[in-house]
């Protein structure tokens, strides 16, 4: 399954170039690609236009990006949070 990064690279775009076309900063695009931030419907539609694919392709790629993203909560932090609840 393609990730958002895969779709971008296939079109030969850098994060900076795609972010500019999308109207976001490069760090926001990076967060979309790593699954740390969710796309709005408007952004998904715009990405589909820019990347020359369907919105379904963008949604599937966003979900694939999320599945391949490392967990946002480290083991130590999760353990600390669990301990604090006691």
N, C-alpha and C. Protein backbone atom coordinates (compact mmCIF):
# COMPACT_ATOMS: atom_id res chain seq x y z
N UNK A 1 0.85 -1.18 0.00
CA UNK A 1 0.00 0.00 0.00
C UNK A 1 0.89 1.24 0.00
N UNK A 2 0.57 2.19 -0.87
CA UNK A 2 1.32 3.43 -0.95
C UNK A 2 1.05 4.32 0.25
N UNK A 3 2.07 5.03 0.70
CA UNK A 3 1.92 6.03 1.74
C UNK A 3 1.86 7.40 1.07
N UNK A 4 1.55 8.44 1.84
CA UNK A 4 1.54 9.78 1.28
C UNK A 4 2.91 10.14 0.69
N UNK A 5 3.95 9.72 1.38
CA UNK A 5 5.30 9.98 0.87
C UNK A 5 5.50 9.32 -0.48
N UNK A 6 5.04 8.08 -0.62
CA UNK A 6 5.17 7.36 -1.90
C UNK A 6 4.48 8.12 -3.03
N UNK A 7 3.28 8.62 -2.77
CA UNK A 7 2.55 9.38 -3.79
C UNK A 7 3.30 10.64 -4.18
N UNK A 8 3.86 11.33 -3.18
CA UNK A 8 4.60 12.57 -3.44
C UNK A 8 5.85 12.29 -4.26
N UNK A 9 6.62 11.28 -3.84
CA UNK A 9 7.88 10.95 -4.52
C UNK A 9 7.60 10.52 -5.96
N UNK A 10 6.55 9.74 -6.16
CA UNK A 10 6.20 9.28 -7.50
C UNK A 10 5.96 10.46 -8.45
N UNK A 11 5.44 11.56 -7.92
CA UNK A 11 5.20 12.75 -8.73
C UNK A 11 6.45 13.62 -8.85
N UNK A 12 7.53 13.22 -8.20
CA UNK A 12 8.78 13.97 -8.28
C UNK A 12 8.78 15.27 -7.52
N UNK A 13 7.99 15.34 -6.46
CA UNK A 13 7.89 16.56 -5.67
C UNK A 13 8.66 16.44 -4.36
N UNK A 14 9.26 17.53 -3.95
CA UNK A 14 9.88 17.60 -2.63
C UNK A 14 8.79 17.95 -1.63
N UNK A 15 9.08 17.75 -0.35
CA UNK A 15 8.12 18.16 0.68
C UNK A 15 7.87 19.66 0.58
N UNK A 16 8.92 20.41 0.37
CA UNK A 16 8.79 21.87 0.28
C UNK A 16 7.87 22.29 -0.87
N UNK A 17 8.06 21.68 -2.04
CA UNK A 17 7.25 22.04 -3.21
C UNK A 17 5.78 21.65 -3.01
N UNK A 18 5.54 20.45 -2.49
CA UNK A 18 4.16 20.02 -2.26
C UNK A 18 3.50 20.85 -1.17
N UNK A 19 4.23 21.15 -0.12
CA UNK A 19 3.68 21.97 0.97
C UNK A 19 3.26 23.34 0.45
N UNK A 20 4.09 23.92 -0.40
CA UNK A 20 3.77 25.23 -0.97
C UNK A 20 2.49 25.16 -1.81
N UNK A 21 2.37 24.13 -2.65
CA UNK A 21 1.17 23.98 -3.47
C UNK A 21 -0.07 23.72 -2.62
N UNK A 22 0.12 23.01 -1.51
CA UNK A 22 -0.99 22.68 -0.62
C UNK A 22 -1.36 23.84 0.29
N UNK A 23 -0.42 24.79 0.46
CA UNK A 23 -0.68 25.95 1.31
C UNK A 23 -0.42 25.70 2.78
N UNK A 24 0.53 24.79 3.06
CA UNK A 24 0.93 24.50 4.44
C UNK A 24 2.45 24.61 4.54
N UNK A 25 2.95 24.63 5.76
CA UNK A 25 4.39 24.64 5.95
C UNK A 25 4.93 23.22 5.79
N UNK A 26 6.20 23.10 5.48
CA UNK A 26 6.80 21.80 5.23
C UNK A 26 6.67 20.87 6.42
N UNK A 27 6.79 21.41 7.64
CA UNK A 27 6.69 20.55 8.82
C UNK A 27 5.30 19.93 8.96
N UNK A 28 4.26 20.66 8.55
CA UNK A 28 2.90 20.10 8.59
C UNK A 28 2.80 18.94 7.60
N UNK A 29 3.35 19.12 6.40
CA UNK A 29 3.32 18.04 5.41
C UNK A 29 4.08 16.83 5.93
N UNK A 30 5.20 17.06 6.56
CA UNK A 30 5.98 15.96 7.14
C UNK A 30 5.14 15.20 8.17
N UNK A 31 4.37 15.93 8.97
CA UNK A 31 3.52 15.28 9.97
C UNK A 31 2.39 14.49 9.32
N UNK A 32 1.87 14.96 8.20
CA UNK A 32 0.87 14.17 7.46
C UNK A 32 1.50 12.87 6.98
N UNK A 33 2.71 12.97 6.45
CA UNK A 33 3.39 11.80 5.89
C UNK A 33 3.78 10.78 6.96
N UNK A 34 4.02 11.23 8.16
CA UNK A 34 4.43 10.31 9.22
C UNK A 34 3.26 9.89 10.12
N UNK A 35 2.06 10.35 9.80
CA UNK A 35 0.89 9.95 10.56
C UNK A 35 0.74 10.65 11.89
N UNK A 36 1.47 11.73 12.10
CA UNK A 36 1.38 12.47 13.35
C UNK A 36 0.30 13.55 13.32
N UNK A 37 -0.24 13.77 12.14
CA UNK A 37 -1.26 14.81 11.97
C UNK A 37 -2.24 14.32 10.91
N UNK A 38 -3.53 14.61 11.10
CA UNK A 38 -4.56 14.18 10.16
C UNK A 38 -4.84 15.26 9.12
N UNK A 39 -5.16 14.81 7.91
CA UNK A 39 -5.57 15.71 6.84
C UNK A 39 -7.02 16.10 7.00
N UNK A 40 -7.35 17.32 6.65
CA UNK A 40 -8.76 17.70 6.57
C UNK A 40 -9.29 17.20 5.22
N UNK A 41 -10.59 17.19 5.08
CA UNK A 41 -11.18 16.76 3.81
C UNK A 41 -10.74 17.70 2.70
N UNK A 42 -10.70 18.97 2.98
CA UNK A 42 -10.27 19.97 1.99
C UNK A 42 -8.83 19.69 1.54
N UNK A 43 -7.96 19.40 2.51
CA UNK A 43 -6.56 19.11 2.17
C UNK A 43 -6.43 17.82 1.38
N UNK A 44 -7.23 16.82 1.72
CA UNK A 44 -7.20 15.55 0.99
C UNK A 44 -7.63 15.77 -0.46
N UNK A 45 -8.68 16.57 -0.66
CA UNK A 45 -9.13 16.88 -2.03
C UNK A 45 -8.04 17.60 -2.81
N UNK A 46 -7.43 18.58 -2.17
CA UNK A 46 -6.37 19.37 -2.84
C UNK A 46 -5.18 18.48 -3.15
N UNK A 47 -4.80 17.61 -2.23
CA UNK A 47 -3.69 16.68 -2.49
C UNK A 47 -3.99 15.80 -3.69
N UNK A 48 -5.22 15.31 -3.78
CA UNK A 48 -5.61 14.47 -4.91
C UNK A 48 -5.44 15.23 -6.22
N UNK A 49 -5.84 16.50 -6.24
CA UNK A 49 -5.68 17.32 -7.44
C UNK A 49 -4.21 17.48 -7.79
N UNK A 50 -3.40 17.83 -6.81
CA UNK A 50 -1.97 18.08 -7.04
C UNK A 50 -1.26 16.80 -7.48
N UNK A 51 -1.58 15.69 -6.83
CA UNK A 51 -0.87 14.43 -7.09
C UNK A 51 -1.46 13.66 -8.27
N UNK A 52 -2.57 14.13 -8.81
CA UNK A 52 -3.16 13.47 -9.97
C UNK A 52 -3.73 12.10 -9.65
N UNK A 53 -4.38 11.99 -8.50
CA UNK A 53 -4.99 10.72 -8.11
C UNK A 53 -6.36 11.01 -7.53
N UNK A 54 -7.04 9.98 -7.08
CA UNK A 54 -8.37 10.16 -6.50
C UNK A 54 -8.25 10.47 -5.01
N UNK A 55 -9.32 11.02 -4.45
CA UNK A 55 -9.34 11.27 -3.01
C UNK A 55 -9.27 9.95 -2.25
N UNK A 56 -9.82 8.89 -2.84
CA UNK A 56 -9.74 7.57 -2.21
C UNK A 56 -8.29 7.12 -2.10
N UNK A 57 -7.49 7.41 -3.13
CA UNK A 57 -6.06 7.08 -3.09
C UNK A 57 -5.36 7.84 -1.96
N UNK A 58 -5.72 9.11 -1.80
CA UNK A 58 -5.11 9.93 -0.75
C UNK A 58 -5.50 9.42 0.62
N UNK A 59 -6.78 9.09 0.81
CA UNK A 59 -7.24 8.58 2.11
C UNK A 59 -6.55 7.24 2.42
N UNK A 60 -6.47 6.36 1.44
CA UNK A 60 -5.79 5.07 1.65
C UNK A 60 -4.33 5.28 1.98
N UNK A 61 -3.68 6.23 1.31
CA UNK A 61 -2.27 6.52 1.58
C UNK A 61 -2.09 7.12 2.97
N UNK A 62 -3.02 7.98 3.37
CA UNK A 62 -2.95 8.56 4.72
C UNK A 62 -3.10 7.47 5.77
N UNK A 63 -4.00 6.53 5.54
CA UNK A 63 -4.17 5.42 6.47
C UNK A 63 -2.92 4.54 6.50
N UNK A 64 -2.32 4.31 5.34
CA UNK A 64 -1.09 3.52 5.29
C UNK A 64 0.04 4.25 6.01
N UNK A 65 0.09 5.57 5.88
CA UNK A 65 1.10 6.35 6.59
C UNK A 65 0.92 6.22 8.09
N UNK A 66 -0.32 6.22 8.52
CA UNK A 66 -0.63 6.09 9.95
C UNK A 66 -0.21 4.72 10.47
N UNK A 67 -0.48 3.67 9.69
CA UNK A 67 -0.12 2.31 10.11
C UNK A 67 1.39 2.10 10.18
N UNK A 68 2.14 2.80 9.34
CA UNK A 68 3.60 2.62 9.34
C UNK A 68 4.30 3.58 10.29
N UNK A 69 3.54 4.50 10.89
CA UNK A 69 4.13 5.49 11.80
C UNK A 69 4.50 4.84 13.13
N UNK A 70 5.63 5.26 13.70
CA UNK A 70 5.97 4.75 15.03
C UNK A 70 4.98 5.29 16.05
N UNK A 71 4.82 4.58 17.12
CA UNK A 71 3.89 5.00 18.17
C UNK A 71 4.30 6.36 18.69
N UNK A 72 3.32 7.20 18.95
CA UNK A 72 3.59 8.54 19.47
C UNK A 72 3.86 8.54 20.97
N UNK A 73 3.56 7.43 21.63
CA UNK A 73 3.79 7.34 23.07
C UNK A 73 4.86 6.29 23.32
N UNK A 74 5.95 6.72 23.92
CA UNK A 74 7.02 5.78 24.20
C UNK A 74 6.63 4.82 25.32
N UNK A 75 7.32 3.70 25.39
CA UNK A 75 7.05 2.70 26.43
C UNK A 75 7.23 3.32 27.82
N UNK A 76 8.30 4.06 28.03
CA UNK A 76 8.54 4.66 29.34
C UNK A 76 7.44 5.64 29.72
N UNK A 77 7.03 6.45 28.75
CA UNK A 77 5.99 7.44 29.03
C UNK A 77 4.67 6.72 29.34
N UNK A 78 4.34 5.69 28.58
CA UNK A 78 3.10 4.95 28.84
C UNK A 78 3.14 4.32 30.22
N UNK A 79 4.29 3.75 30.59
CA UNK A 79 4.42 3.14 31.91
C UNK A 79 4.28 4.19 33.01
N UNK A 80 4.88 5.35 32.81
CA UNK A 80 4.81 6.44 33.78
C UNK A 80 3.37 6.91 33.94
N UNK A 81 2.64 7.04 32.81
CA UNK A 81 1.25 7.46 32.86
C UNK A 81 0.40 6.43 33.61
N UNK A 82 0.67 5.15 33.38
CA UNK A 82 -0.06 4.08 34.05
C UNK A 82 0.21 4.12 35.55
N UNK A 83 1.45 4.33 35.95
CA UNK A 83 1.83 4.38 37.35
C UNK A 83 1.18 5.55 38.06
N UNK A 84 1.09 6.68 37.39
CA UNK A 84 0.51 7.89 37.99
C UNK A 84 -0.99 7.75 38.26
N UNK A 85 -1.66 6.87 37.53
CA UNK A 85 -3.10 6.68 37.70
C UNK A 85 -3.44 5.90 38.96
N UNK A 86 -2.48 5.20 39.51
CA UNK A 86 -2.73 4.38 40.71
C UNK A 86 -2.91 5.18 41.95
